[in-house]
Amino acid sequence: EVPLQACGGGLVQAGGSLRLSCAASGLTFGGYAIGWFRQASGKERERVSFINIDDGSTYYSDSVKGRFTISRDKAKNTVWLQMSSLTPEDAAVYYCIAALLDSGPFSQFVTESANWYPRDGLDGWGEGTQVTVSS
C-alpha cells in the first residue's frame, strides 16, 4: 500500500476547529485522489472529503460541506483537512486515504467512493486519528 502519515486530531470543544494532515513518504501524490473517511463508534464508515491532487477538484459530503476545507501542497506532497464549527456528530476516527485514479476520472472515483477500498500496492489507507468533540 501507499505509505501514508496522518497527523492532527485530538479533543476540541463544540464549535472549535482542528486540522488534519496526510502526507506520503517516498511517493508523490500525483495521479491520486487523497482524502478522508471517518467512522464513529457503532456507525458505518462515512466519506468526508477528497481532493484530486493534480487539478485540485474537491468533494465534500453534505454533512461537512461549508465547515471543512480540503487543500493540498503538491510540492510538499501533503493534504490538509481544516475542520471548523465542529459538533459532537463529527467525532470519529478519521482515516486518510490515497486512491490512484487509474480507472477513471476523479468524478468517477467520487461517485464510487462509498464502496471504495484500497488495492494492495496501488492505494493507501492510513492509520486512523481520533477526533473528539465535547459538547
Protein backbone atom coordinates (compact mmCIF):
# COMPACT_ATOMS: atom_id res chain seq x y z
CA GLU A 1 0.00 0.00 0.00
CA VAL A 2 0.88 3.64 -0.32
CA PRO A 3 2.53 4.66 2.98
CA LEU A 4 0.53 7.49 4.48
CA GLN A 5 1.35 9.59 7.51
CA ALA A 6 -1.68 11.15 9.13
CA CYS A 7 -1.42 13.79 11.81
CA GLY A 8 -3.75 16.04 13.70
CA GLY A 9 -6.91 15.27 15.53
CA GLY A 10 -7.47 15.44 19.24
CA LEU A 11 -10.03 16.87 21.60
CA VAL A 12 -11.88 20.08 20.90
CA GLN A 13 -14.97 21.78 22.19
CA ALA A 14 -18.04 22.05 20.03
CA GLY A 15 -17.68 24.97 17.69
CA GLY A 16 -13.93 24.63 17.63
CA SER A 17 -11.52 23.74 14.87
CA LEU A 18 -8.93 21.11 14.13
CA ARG A 19 -6.66 20.40 11.20
CA LEU A 20 -5.71 17.01 9.91
CA SER A 21 -2.83 16.37 7.58
CA CYS A 22 -1.90 13.48 5.36
CA ALA A 23 1.47 13.01 3.76
CA ALA A 24 3.15 10.32 1.73
CA SER A 25 6.62 9.09 2.42
CA GLY A 26 8.73 8.17 -0.56
CA LEU A 27 5.93 8.70 -3.02
CA THR A 28 4.43 11.57 -4.90
CA PHE A 29 0.71 12.08 -4.78
CA GLY A 30 0.46 12.81 -8.50
CA GLY A 31 -2.37 10.84 -10.09
CA TYR A 32 -4.12 10.26 -6.79
CA ALA A 33 -7.24 11.35 -5.02
CA ILE A 34 -6.43 12.00 -1.38
CA GLY A 35 -8.88 12.47 1.41
CA TRP A 36 -10.59 11.13 4.45
CA PHE A 37 -13.18 8.68 5.56
CA ARG A 38 -14.38 8.63 9.11
CA GLN A 39 -16.02 6.10 11.33
CA ALA A 40 -17.76 6.84 14.58
CA SER A 41 -18.20 4.22 17.20
CA GLY A 42 -21.04 1.90 16.28
CA LYS A 43 -21.59 3.54 12.92
CA GLU A 44 -20.70 2.74 9.35
CA ARG A 45 -17.78 4.28 7.55
CA GLU A 46 -18.57 7.66 6.04
CA ARG A 47 -16.97 9.66 3.29
CA VAL A 48 -15.75 13.07 4.39
CA SER A 49 -13.78 14.84 1.70
CA PHE A 50 -11.42 14.15 -1.20
CA ILE A 51 -9.17 16.18 -3.45
CA ASN A 52 -7.71 15.46 -6.84
CA ILE A 53 -4.05 16.18 -6.36
CA ASP A 54 -3.47 17.08 -9.99
CA ASP A 55 -6.18 19.66 -10.60
CA GLY A 56 -7.45 20.45 -7.11
CA SER A 57 -11.01 19.27 -7.69
CA THR A 58 -12.74 18.57 -4.42
CA TYR A 59 -15.60 16.63 -2.92
CA TYR A 60 -17.31 17.20 0.40
CA SER A 61 -20.02 15.15 1.98
CA ASP A 62 -23.19 17.03 2.76
CA SER A 63 -22.53 16.64 6.46
CA VAL A 64 -19.30 18.66 6.31
CA LYS A 65 -19.86 20.96 3.35
CA GLY A 66 -19.33 24.58 4.33
CA ARG A 67 -17.45 23.66 7.50
CA PHE A 68 -14.49 21.61 6.28
CA THR A 69 -11.91 22.64 3.72
CA ILE A 70 -9.52 20.29 2.00
CA SER A 71 -6.35 21.59 0.38
CA ARG A 72 -3.10 20.30 -0.95
CA ASP A 73 0.51 21.28 -1.46
CA LYS A 74 1.86 19.27 -4.33
CA ALA A 75 5.44 20.29 -3.63
CA LYS A 76 5.17 19.09 -0.04
CA ASN A 77 3.16 16.04 -1.01
CA THR A 78 0.73 16.89 1.73
CA VAL A 79 -3.03 17.29 2.03
CA TRP A 80 -4.80 19.08 4.85
CA LEU A 81 -8.35 18.95 6.12
CA GLN A 82 -9.31 22.09 8.03
CA MET A 83 -12.32 21.30 10.16
CA SER A 84 -14.33 24.15 11.63
CA SER A 85 -17.55 24.52 13.57
CA LEU A 86 -17.11 21.02 14.86
CA THR A 87 -20.02 19.28 16.50
CA PRO A 88 -20.21 16.07 18.53
CA GLU A 89 -21.51 14.42 15.37
CA ASP A 90 -18.08 14.95 13.81
CA ALA A 91 -16.42 12.85 16.50
CA ALA A 92 -14.92 9.78 14.88
CA VAL A 93 -11.74 8.10 13.83
CA TYR A 94 -10.58 9.78 10.64
CA TYR A 95 -8.70 7.76 8.06
CA CYS A 96 -6.55 9.31 5.39
CA ILE A 97 -6.73 7.51 2.05
CA ALA A 98 -4.95 7.64 -1.27
CA ALA A 99 -6.79 6.37 -4.31
CA LEU A 100 -4.92 6.00 -7.58
CA LEU A 101 -7.05 7.41 -10.38
CA ASP A 102 -6.07 4.76 -12.91
CA SER A 103 -9.51 3.55 -13.91
CA GLY A 104 -11.33 6.79 -14.47
CA PRO A 105 -11.55 10.46 -13.62
CA PHE A 106 -11.89 11.96 -10.16
CA SER A 107 -15.61 12.37 -10.66
CA GLN A 108 -15.96 8.65 -11.17
CA PHE A 109 -13.98 7.92 -8.05
CA VAL A 110 -16.25 10.24 -6.07
CA THR A 111 -19.33 8.53 -7.43
CA GLU A 112 -17.98 5.12 -6.47
CA SER A 113 -16.17 6.10 -3.29
CA ALA A 114 -18.81 4.96 -0.87
CA ASN A 115 -17.78 1.42 -1.77
CA TRP A 116 -14.08 2.11 -2.21
CA TYR A 117 -11.43 0.05 -0.50
CA PRO A 118 -7.67 0.19 -1.07
CA ARG A 119 -6.00 -2.15 -3.51
CA ASP A 120 -2.77 -3.77 -2.46
CA GLY A 121 0.24 -1.97 -3.87
CA LEU A 122 -1.77 0.78 -5.53
CA ASP A 123 -3.82 2.62 -2.94
CA GLY A 124 -3.34 3.66 0.65
CA TRP A 125 -5.26 3.65 3.89
CA GLY A 126 -3.54 5.43 6.75
CA GLU A 127 -3.68 4.89 10.44
CA GLY A 128 -6.76 6.44 11.95
CA THR A 129 -6.63 9.57 14.03
CA GLN A 130 -9.19 10.24 16.70
CA VAL A 131 -11.26 13.40 16.68
CA THR A 132 -13.25 14.01 19.84
CA VAL A 133 -15.69 16.87 20.17
CA SER A 134 -17.04 17.77 23.58
CA SER A 135 -20.43 19.40 23.86
